[in-house]
N, C-alpha and C. Protein backbone atom coordinates (compact mmCIF):
# COMPACT_ATOMS: atom_id res chain seq x y z
N MET A 1 153.19 164.48 44.85
CA MET A 1 152.55 163.58 45.80
C MET A 1 153.05 163.90 47.19
N THR A 2 152.12 163.86 48.13
CA THR A 2 152.43 164.22 49.50
C THR A 2 151.64 163.35 50.46
N VAL A 3 152.31 162.92 51.54
CA VAL A 3 151.59 162.30 52.63
C VAL A 3 150.90 163.43 53.38
N ARG A 4 149.59 163.37 53.46
CA ARG A 4 148.83 164.45 54.06
C ARG A 4 148.51 164.14 55.52
N GLU A 5 148.38 165.18 56.32
CA GLU A 5 148.03 165.06 57.73
C GLU A 5 146.59 164.59 57.86
N ILE A 6 146.35 163.69 58.80
CA ILE A 6 145.01 163.15 59.03
C ILE A 6 144.25 164.07 59.98
N ARG A 7 143.03 164.44 59.60
CA ARG A 7 142.16 165.25 60.46
C ARG A 7 141.62 164.37 61.58
N ILE A 8 141.50 164.94 62.76
CA ILE A 8 141.12 164.21 63.96
C ILE A 8 139.66 164.49 64.31
N TYR A 9 139.02 163.47 64.90
CA TYR A 9 137.62 163.55 65.32
C TYR A 9 137.37 164.88 66.04
N GLY A 10 136.30 165.53 65.66
CA GLY A 10 135.98 166.87 66.16
C GLY A 10 136.12 167.90 65.04
N ASP A 11 136.95 167.60 64.03
CA ASP A 11 137.11 168.48 62.88
C ASP A 11 135.80 168.43 62.07
N PRO A 12 135.20 169.58 61.77
CA PRO A 12 133.91 169.60 61.06
C PRO A 12 133.91 168.88 59.71
N VAL A 13 135.04 168.84 59.02
CA VAL A 13 135.07 168.20 57.71
C VAL A 13 134.72 166.71 57.81
N LEU A 14 134.98 166.10 58.97
CA LEU A 14 134.67 164.68 59.15
C LEU A 14 133.17 164.42 59.29
N ARG A 15 132.39 165.46 59.55
CA ARG A 15 130.93 165.31 59.69
C ARG A 15 130.20 165.89 58.47
N THR A 16 130.94 166.20 57.41
CA THR A 16 130.38 166.81 56.22
C THR A 16 130.10 165.76 55.15
N LYS A 17 128.90 165.82 54.56
CA LYS A 17 128.60 164.95 53.43
C LYS A 17 129.37 165.50 52.23
N CYS A 18 130.19 164.67 51.63
CA CYS A 18 131.10 165.12 50.57
C CYS A 18 130.41 165.29 49.22
N ALA A 19 130.94 166.21 48.43
CA ALA A 19 130.42 166.50 47.10
C ALA A 19 130.99 165.51 46.08
N GLU A 20 130.21 165.25 45.05
CA GLU A 20 130.67 164.43 43.93
C GLU A 20 131.82 165.14 43.22
N ILE A 21 132.72 164.35 42.67
CA ILE A 21 133.79 164.89 41.84
C ILE A 21 133.24 164.98 40.42
N THR A 22 133.29 166.17 39.84
CA THR A 22 132.72 166.38 38.51
C THR A 22 133.76 166.71 37.46
N GLU A 23 134.96 167.09 37.90
CA GLU A 23 136.03 167.41 36.96
C GLU A 23 137.18 166.46 37.19
N PHE A 24 137.61 165.82 36.11
CA PHE A 24 138.71 164.86 36.18
C PHE A 24 139.91 165.52 35.51
N ASP A 25 140.62 166.30 36.34
CA ASP A 25 141.71 167.12 35.85
C ASP A 25 142.97 166.90 36.69
N GLU A 26 143.94 167.80 36.55
CA GLU A 26 145.18 167.69 37.32
C GLU A 26 144.93 167.75 38.82
N GLY A 27 143.97 168.57 39.25
CA GLY A 27 143.64 168.66 40.66
C GLY A 27 143.14 167.34 41.20
N THR A 28 142.29 166.67 40.43
CA THR A 28 141.77 165.37 40.83
C THR A 28 142.90 164.35 40.88
N SER A 29 143.77 164.37 39.89
CA SER A 29 144.91 163.45 39.87
C SER A 29 145.82 163.67 41.06
N ALA A 30 146.04 164.93 41.43
CA ALA A 30 146.88 165.26 42.58
C ALA A 30 146.23 164.77 43.88
N LEU A 31 144.91 164.93 44.01
CA LEU A 31 144.21 164.43 45.19
C LEU A 31 144.37 162.92 45.30
N VAL A 32 144.16 162.20 44.21
CA VAL A 32 144.30 160.74 44.22
C VAL A 32 145.73 160.34 44.58
N ALA A 33 146.72 161.02 44.02
CA ALA A 33 148.11 160.71 44.34
C ALA A 33 148.39 160.90 45.82
N ASP A 34 147.87 161.99 46.40
CA ASP A 34 148.06 162.24 47.83
C ASP A 34 147.34 161.19 48.68
N LEU A 35 146.14 160.80 48.28
CA LEU A 35 145.40 159.77 49.02
C LEU A 35 146.16 158.45 49.01
N ILE A 36 146.70 158.08 47.85
CA ILE A 36 147.43 156.81 47.76
C ILE A 36 148.72 156.88 48.57
N GLU A 37 149.45 157.96 48.46
CA GLU A 37 150.69 158.06 49.23
C GLU A 37 150.40 158.05 50.73
N THR A 38 149.31 158.68 51.14
CA THR A 38 148.94 158.73 52.55
C THR A 38 148.51 157.36 53.07
N VAL A 39 147.82 156.56 52.26
CA VAL A 39 147.36 155.25 52.72
C VAL A 39 148.48 154.21 52.70
N GLU A 40 149.56 154.48 51.99
CA GLU A 40 150.64 153.49 51.89
C GLU A 40 151.50 153.40 53.15
N LEU A 41 151.32 154.30 54.10
CA LEU A 41 152.06 154.19 55.36
C LEU A 41 151.60 152.93 56.09
N PRO A 42 152.49 152.30 56.84
CA PRO A 42 152.14 151.05 57.53
C PRO A 42 150.92 151.20 58.45
N GLY A 43 150.10 150.14 58.47
CA GLY A 43 148.95 150.10 59.37
C GLY A 43 147.72 150.81 58.87
N ARG A 44 147.71 151.20 57.61
CA ARG A 44 146.56 151.94 57.06
C ARG A 44 145.84 151.09 56.02
N ALA A 45 144.52 150.93 56.19
CA ALA A 45 143.71 150.17 55.24
C ALA A 45 142.99 151.09 54.27
N GLY A 46 142.67 152.31 54.70
CA GLY A 46 141.95 153.24 53.85
C GLY A 46 142.09 154.66 54.36
N VAL A 47 142.02 155.61 53.43
CA VAL A 47 142.02 157.03 53.78
C VAL A 47 141.00 157.71 52.87
N ALA A 48 140.03 158.36 53.48
CA ALA A 48 139.01 159.10 52.73
C ALA A 48 139.42 160.56 52.61
N ALA A 49 139.00 161.18 51.51
CA ALA A 49 139.37 162.58 51.26
C ALA A 49 139.06 163.51 52.44
N PRO A 50 137.92 163.39 53.12
CA PRO A 50 137.70 164.30 54.25
C PRO A 50 138.72 164.11 55.38
N GLN A 51 139.32 162.93 55.47
CA GLN A 51 140.34 162.72 56.50
C GLN A 51 141.60 163.53 56.24
N ILE A 52 141.75 164.01 54.99
CA ILE A 52 142.88 164.90 54.70
C ILE A 52 142.37 166.31 54.42
N GLY A 53 141.13 166.58 54.83
CA GLY A 53 140.59 167.94 54.76
C GLY A 53 139.90 168.31 53.47
N VAL A 54 139.59 167.33 52.62
CA VAL A 54 138.97 167.61 51.33
C VAL A 54 137.57 166.99 51.30
N ALA A 55 136.55 167.79 51.18
CA ALA A 55 135.17 167.31 51.24
C ALA A 55 134.67 166.86 49.86
N LEU A 56 135.40 165.93 49.27
CA LEU A 56 135.02 165.33 47.98
C LEU A 56 134.93 163.82 48.13
N ARG A 57 134.10 163.18 47.28
CA ARG A 57 133.85 161.75 47.36
C ARG A 57 135.00 160.97 46.71
N ALA A 58 136.01 160.65 47.51
CA ALA A 58 137.15 159.85 47.04
C ALA A 58 137.80 159.18 48.24
N PHE A 59 138.31 157.97 48.02
CA PHE A 59 139.14 157.34 49.05
C PHE A 59 140.17 156.43 48.42
N SER A 60 141.22 156.18 49.18
CA SER A 60 142.26 155.24 48.77
C SER A 60 142.20 154.04 49.69
N TYR A 61 142.80 152.94 49.24
CA TYR A 61 142.78 151.72 50.04
C TYR A 61 144.11 150.98 49.89
N ASN A 62 144.39 150.18 50.92
CA ASN A 62 145.63 149.40 50.97
C ASN A 62 145.34 148.16 51.82
N VAL A 63 144.77 147.14 51.20
CA VAL A 63 144.35 145.94 51.92
C VAL A 63 144.89 144.70 51.19
N ASP A 64 145.59 143.87 51.92
CA ASP A 64 146.10 142.60 51.38
C ASP A 64 146.81 142.77 50.04
N GLY A 65 147.65 143.79 49.94
CA GLY A 65 148.43 144.01 48.73
C GLY A 65 147.70 144.76 47.63
N GLN A 66 146.42 145.03 47.81
CA GLN A 66 145.66 145.82 46.83
C GLN A 66 145.71 147.29 47.24
N VAL A 67 146.29 148.11 46.38
CA VAL A 67 146.38 149.54 46.65
C VAL A 67 145.74 150.28 45.48
N GLY A 68 144.90 151.25 45.79
CA GLY A 68 144.27 152.02 44.73
C GLY A 68 143.39 153.11 45.30
N ALA A 69 142.57 153.67 44.42
CA ALA A 69 141.65 154.73 44.83
C ALA A 69 140.39 154.63 43.98
N ILE A 70 139.31 155.16 44.51
CA ILE A 70 138.04 155.20 43.80
C ILE A 70 137.39 156.55 44.08
N LEU A 71 136.74 157.09 43.06
CA LEU A 71 136.07 158.38 43.15
C LEU A 71 134.57 158.17 43.03
N ASN A 72 133.82 159.00 43.71
CA ASN A 72 132.35 158.96 43.70
C ASN A 72 131.81 157.57 44.02
N PRO A 73 132.39 156.89 45.02
CA PRO A 73 131.93 155.54 45.33
C PRO A 73 130.58 155.53 46.05
N ARG A 74 129.83 154.48 45.80
CA ARG A 74 128.56 154.22 46.47
C ARG A 74 128.50 152.74 46.80
N VAL A 75 128.10 152.42 48.02
CA VAL A 75 127.86 151.02 48.36
C VAL A 75 126.59 150.61 47.63
N VAL A 76 126.70 149.61 46.75
CA VAL A 76 125.54 149.17 45.97
C VAL A 76 125.02 147.82 46.45
N GLU A 77 125.82 147.11 47.26
CA GLU A 77 125.37 145.83 47.77
C GLU A 77 126.15 145.46 49.02
N THR A 78 125.43 144.94 49.99
CA THR A 78 126.05 144.28 51.15
C THR A 78 125.35 142.95 51.30
N ARG A 79 126.08 141.98 51.86
CA ARG A 79 125.49 140.66 52.10
C ARG A 79 125.82 140.24 53.51
N GLY A 80 124.90 139.47 54.06
CA GLY A 80 125.09 138.97 55.41
C GLY A 80 124.61 139.99 56.42
N GLU A 81 124.29 139.49 57.59
CA GLU A 81 123.83 140.36 58.67
C GLU A 81 125.01 141.16 59.21
N ALA A 82 124.78 142.43 59.51
CA ALA A 82 125.83 143.26 60.11
C ALA A 82 126.18 142.69 61.48
N VAL A 83 127.46 142.50 61.70
CA VAL A 83 127.94 141.92 62.96
C VAL A 83 128.99 142.84 63.58
N PRO A 84 129.13 142.80 64.91
CA PRO A 84 130.17 143.60 65.55
C PRO A 84 131.55 143.17 65.05
N THR A 85 132.31 144.15 64.56
CA THR A 85 133.62 143.89 63.97
C THR A 85 134.61 144.88 64.55
N SER A 86 135.71 144.39 65.08
CA SER A 86 136.72 145.26 65.67
C SER A 86 137.20 146.27 64.63
N GLU A 87 137.16 147.54 65.00
CA GLU A 87 137.47 148.58 64.04
C GLU A 87 138.15 149.76 64.73
N GLY A 88 139.03 150.39 63.99
CA GLY A 88 139.67 151.62 64.42
C GLY A 88 139.59 152.62 63.29
N CYS A 89 140.12 153.81 63.53
CA CYS A 89 140.07 154.87 62.52
C CYS A 89 141.24 155.81 62.75
N LEU A 90 141.91 156.19 61.68
CA LEU A 90 143.02 157.13 61.79
C LEU A 90 142.57 158.46 62.40
N SER A 91 141.31 158.82 62.21
CA SER A 91 140.78 160.07 62.75
C SER A 91 140.34 159.96 64.20
N VAL A 92 140.38 158.76 64.74
CA VAL A 92 140.05 158.51 66.15
C VAL A 92 141.21 157.67 66.70
N PRO A 93 142.38 158.30 66.88
CA PRO A 93 143.60 157.55 67.17
C PRO A 93 143.54 156.66 68.41
N ASN A 94 144.10 155.47 68.24
CA ASN A 94 144.35 154.54 69.35
C ASN A 94 143.10 153.98 70.02
N LEU A 95 141.94 154.11 69.40
CA LEU A 95 140.72 153.53 69.96
C LEU A 95 140.19 152.47 69.02
N TRP A 96 139.86 151.31 69.56
CA TRP A 96 139.29 150.20 68.79
C TRP A 96 138.01 149.76 69.45
N HIS A 97 136.95 149.65 68.64
CA HIS A 97 135.65 149.21 69.14
C HIS A 97 134.97 148.37 68.09
N ASP A 98 133.92 147.65 68.49
CA ASP A 98 133.18 146.79 67.59
C ASP A 98 132.07 147.57 66.88
N ALA A 99 132.33 147.89 65.61
CA ALA A 99 131.33 148.56 64.78
C ALA A 99 130.52 147.50 64.03
N LEU A 100 129.28 147.80 63.73
CA LEU A 100 128.44 146.86 63.00
C LEU A 100 128.75 146.96 61.50
N ARG A 101 129.24 145.84 60.93
CA ARG A 101 129.62 145.80 59.51
C ARG A 101 129.12 144.51 58.87
N HIS A 102 128.76 144.61 57.61
CA HIS A 102 128.36 143.44 56.83
C HIS A 102 129.62 142.69 56.38
N PRO A 103 129.56 141.36 56.27
CA PRO A 103 130.74 140.58 55.88
C PRO A 103 131.13 140.70 54.40
N TYR A 104 130.23 141.22 53.56
CA TYR A 104 130.51 141.42 52.14
C TYR A 104 129.99 142.79 51.73
N ALA A 105 130.75 143.45 50.86
CA ALA A 105 130.29 144.74 50.32
C ALA A 105 130.79 144.90 48.89
N ARG A 106 129.97 145.59 48.09
CA ARG A 106 130.35 145.95 46.72
C ARG A 106 130.11 147.45 46.55
N VAL A 107 131.11 148.12 45.99
CA VAL A 107 131.08 149.57 45.79
C VAL A 107 131.31 149.85 44.31
N GLU A 108 130.56 150.79 43.77
CA GLU A 108 130.78 151.23 42.39
C GLU A 108 131.13 152.71 42.40
N GLY A 109 132.03 153.08 41.50
CA GLY A 109 132.45 154.47 41.35
C GLY A 109 133.21 154.61 40.05
N VAL A 110 134.15 155.54 40.03
CA VAL A 110 134.97 155.76 38.83
C VAL A 110 136.43 155.92 39.23
N ASP A 111 137.31 155.79 38.23
CA ASP A 111 138.73 156.01 38.47
C ASP A 111 139.07 157.47 38.17
N VAL A 112 140.34 157.78 38.23
CA VAL A 112 140.80 159.17 38.07
C VAL A 112 140.49 159.73 36.67
N ASP A 113 140.23 158.83 35.71
CA ASP A 113 139.87 159.28 34.36
C ASP A 113 138.37 159.24 34.09
N GLY A 114 137.58 158.92 35.14
CA GLY A 114 136.14 158.89 34.99
C GLY A 114 135.59 157.57 34.48
N ARG A 115 136.43 156.54 34.37
CA ARG A 115 135.98 155.23 33.90
C ARG A 115 135.37 154.43 35.06
N PRO A 116 134.32 153.66 34.80
CA PRO A 116 133.66 152.88 35.86
C PRO A 116 134.60 151.90 36.56
N VAL A 117 134.42 151.80 37.88
CA VAL A 117 135.20 150.89 38.72
C VAL A 117 134.25 150.21 39.69
N THR A 118 134.46 148.92 39.89
CA THR A 118 133.73 148.18 40.92
C THR A 118 134.74 147.55 41.86
N LEU A 119 134.55 147.75 43.15
CA LEU A 119 135.36 147.11 44.17
C LEU A 119 134.44 146.25 45.02
N GLU A 120 134.86 145.03 45.31
CA GLU A 120 134.05 144.17 46.16
C GLU A 120 134.95 143.23 46.93
N GLY A 121 134.44 142.79 48.07
CA GLY A 121 135.21 141.85 48.85
C GLY A 121 134.52 141.48 50.13
N GLU A 122 135.19 140.60 50.83
CA GLU A 122 134.71 140.11 52.12
C GLU A 122 135.72 140.48 53.19
N GLY A 123 135.32 140.27 54.43
CA GLY A 123 136.23 140.47 55.55
C GLY A 123 136.75 141.89 55.64
N LEU A 124 138.07 142.02 55.81
CA LEU A 124 138.68 143.33 55.99
C LEU A 124 138.41 144.25 54.80
N PHE A 125 138.42 143.72 53.58
CA PHE A 125 138.17 144.57 52.42
C PHE A 125 136.74 145.11 52.45
N ALA A 126 135.77 144.27 52.80
CA ALA A 126 134.38 144.72 52.92
C ALA A 126 134.24 145.77 54.02
N GLN A 127 134.91 145.53 55.13
CA GLN A 127 134.87 146.48 56.25
C GLN A 127 135.43 147.82 55.81
N MET A 128 136.57 147.81 55.10
CA MET A 128 137.18 149.05 54.63
C MET A 128 136.24 149.79 53.68
N LEU A 129 135.61 149.08 52.75
CA LEU A 129 134.70 149.74 51.81
C LEU A 129 133.58 150.46 52.54
N GLN A 130 132.99 149.80 53.52
CA GLN A 130 131.89 150.41 54.28
C GLN A 130 132.39 151.59 55.12
N HIS A 131 133.55 151.42 55.77
CA HIS A 131 134.12 152.46 56.63
C HIS A 131 134.42 153.72 55.81
N GLU A 132 135.09 153.55 54.66
CA GLU A 132 135.49 154.71 53.87
C GLU A 132 134.28 155.39 53.22
N CYS A 133 133.31 154.62 52.74
CA CYS A 133 132.08 155.23 52.19
C CYS A 133 131.33 155.99 53.28
N ASP A 134 131.34 155.46 54.50
CA ASP A 134 130.73 156.21 55.61
C ASP A 134 131.38 157.58 55.76
N HIS A 135 132.72 157.62 55.71
CA HIS A 135 133.41 158.92 55.84
C HIS A 135 132.89 159.92 54.81
N LEU A 136 132.61 159.45 53.59
CA LEU A 136 132.17 160.35 52.53
C LEU A 136 130.75 160.87 52.76
N ASP A 137 130.02 160.19 53.64
CA ASP A 137 128.68 160.64 54.02
C ASP A 137 128.68 161.37 55.35
N GLY A 138 129.87 161.69 55.87
CA GLY A 138 129.98 162.42 57.13
C GLY A 138 129.78 161.55 58.36
N VAL A 139 129.97 160.25 58.21
CA VAL A 139 129.76 159.30 59.32
C VAL A 139 131.12 158.76 59.78
N VAL A 140 131.38 158.88 61.07
CA VAL A 140 132.59 158.31 61.68
C VAL A 140 132.17 157.00 62.34
N TYR A 141 133.06 156.01 62.34
CA TYR A 141 132.70 154.67 62.79
C TYR A 141 132.08 154.64 64.19
N LEU A 142 132.34 155.63 65.01
CA LEU A 142 131.75 155.68 66.34
C LEU A 142 130.21 155.66 66.27
N GLN A 143 129.67 156.16 65.18
CA GLN A 143 128.22 156.17 64.99
C GLN A 143 127.67 154.79 64.64
N ARG A 144 128.53 153.84 64.35
CA ARG A 144 128.12 152.46 64.01
C ARG A 144 128.22 151.52 65.20
N LEU A 145 128.49 152.07 66.38
CA LEU A 145 128.61 151.25 67.58
C LEU A 145 127.25 151.06 68.23
N THR A 146 127.14 150.00 69.02
CA THR A 146 125.92 149.84 69.81
C THR A 146 125.87 150.99 70.81
N PRO A 147 124.70 151.32 71.32
CA PRO A 147 124.61 152.43 72.27
C PRO A 147 125.56 152.27 73.47
N GLU A 148 125.66 151.07 74.01
CA GLU A 148 126.54 150.85 75.16
C GLU A 148 128.01 151.06 74.78
N GLU A 149 128.40 150.48 73.64
CA GLU A 149 129.78 150.61 73.16
C GLU A 149 130.10 152.07 72.85
N ARG A 150 129.13 152.78 72.31
CA ARG A 150 129.36 154.19 71.97
C ARG A 150 129.58 155.04 73.21
N ARG A 151 128.84 154.77 74.29
CA ARG A 151 129.06 155.52 75.54
C ARG A 151 130.50 155.33 76.02
N VAL A 152 130.97 154.10 75.98
CA VAL A 152 132.35 153.81 76.40
C VAL A 152 133.34 154.54 75.49
N ALA A 153 133.12 154.43 74.18
CA ALA A 153 134.03 155.05 73.22
C ALA A 153 134.07 156.57 73.37
N MET A 154 132.92 157.19 73.56
CA MET A 154 132.90 158.64 73.69
C MET A 154 133.59 159.10 74.97
N ARG A 155 133.49 158.32 76.04
CA ARG A 155 134.23 158.64 77.25
C ARG A 155 135.73 158.56 76.96
N GLU A 156 136.16 157.53 76.23
CA GLU A 156 137.57 157.40 75.88
C GLU A 156 138.04 158.56 75.00
N VAL A 157 137.20 159.00 74.08
CA VAL A 157 137.53 160.15 73.24
C VAL A 157 137.74 161.38 74.13
N ARG A 158 136.79 161.65 75.02
CA ARG A 158 136.89 162.84 75.89
C ARG A 158 138.12 162.79 76.78
N GLU A 159 138.53 161.59 77.18
CA GLU A 159 139.69 161.45 78.07
C GLU A 159 141.02 161.34 77.32
N SER A 160 140.96 161.28 75.99
CA SER A 160 142.19 161.12 75.20
C SER A 160 143.02 162.40 75.23
N ASP A 161 144.31 162.26 74.94
CA ASP A 161 145.18 163.44 74.91
C ASP A 161 145.10 164.18 73.57
N TRP A 162 144.44 163.64 72.57
CA TRP A 162 144.34 164.30 71.27
C TRP A 162 143.03 165.06 71.08
N PHE A 163 142.04 164.86 71.95
CA PHE A 163 140.74 165.50 71.75
C PHE A 163 140.71 166.86 72.40
């Protein structure tokens, strides 16, 4: 198990639609272990595989004492109107903006052994589910901002010391 380096906005892997995981082997187990160890650092709610350079459909989470991982997740239900929600991203360091997120989300996928898993929740957990599934589709939260907010955010990205 290893804490993996987070890829930063501009890295092509963050804009790549990830492939389904089809083999549940030692490699898959090692990826899940790395995702969990990486998300367990303070201040992290979720880490998607592309954020550590792996273009596969998997993410780990660490919200309100719930820590785990899900493979091949798909958002199957959202409830409530999408509202501006303060959001940040490890791949877009030190920037927080209001992304449009639904207050409830349900995701279905599988665990490291290929068994069905359902994750659902409200508030921060729902936000994390939507954010991490977006990563697996090559979407960074900046794309969920209103046009005005996105202009501001992109200027901040260009002026940042990490871009």
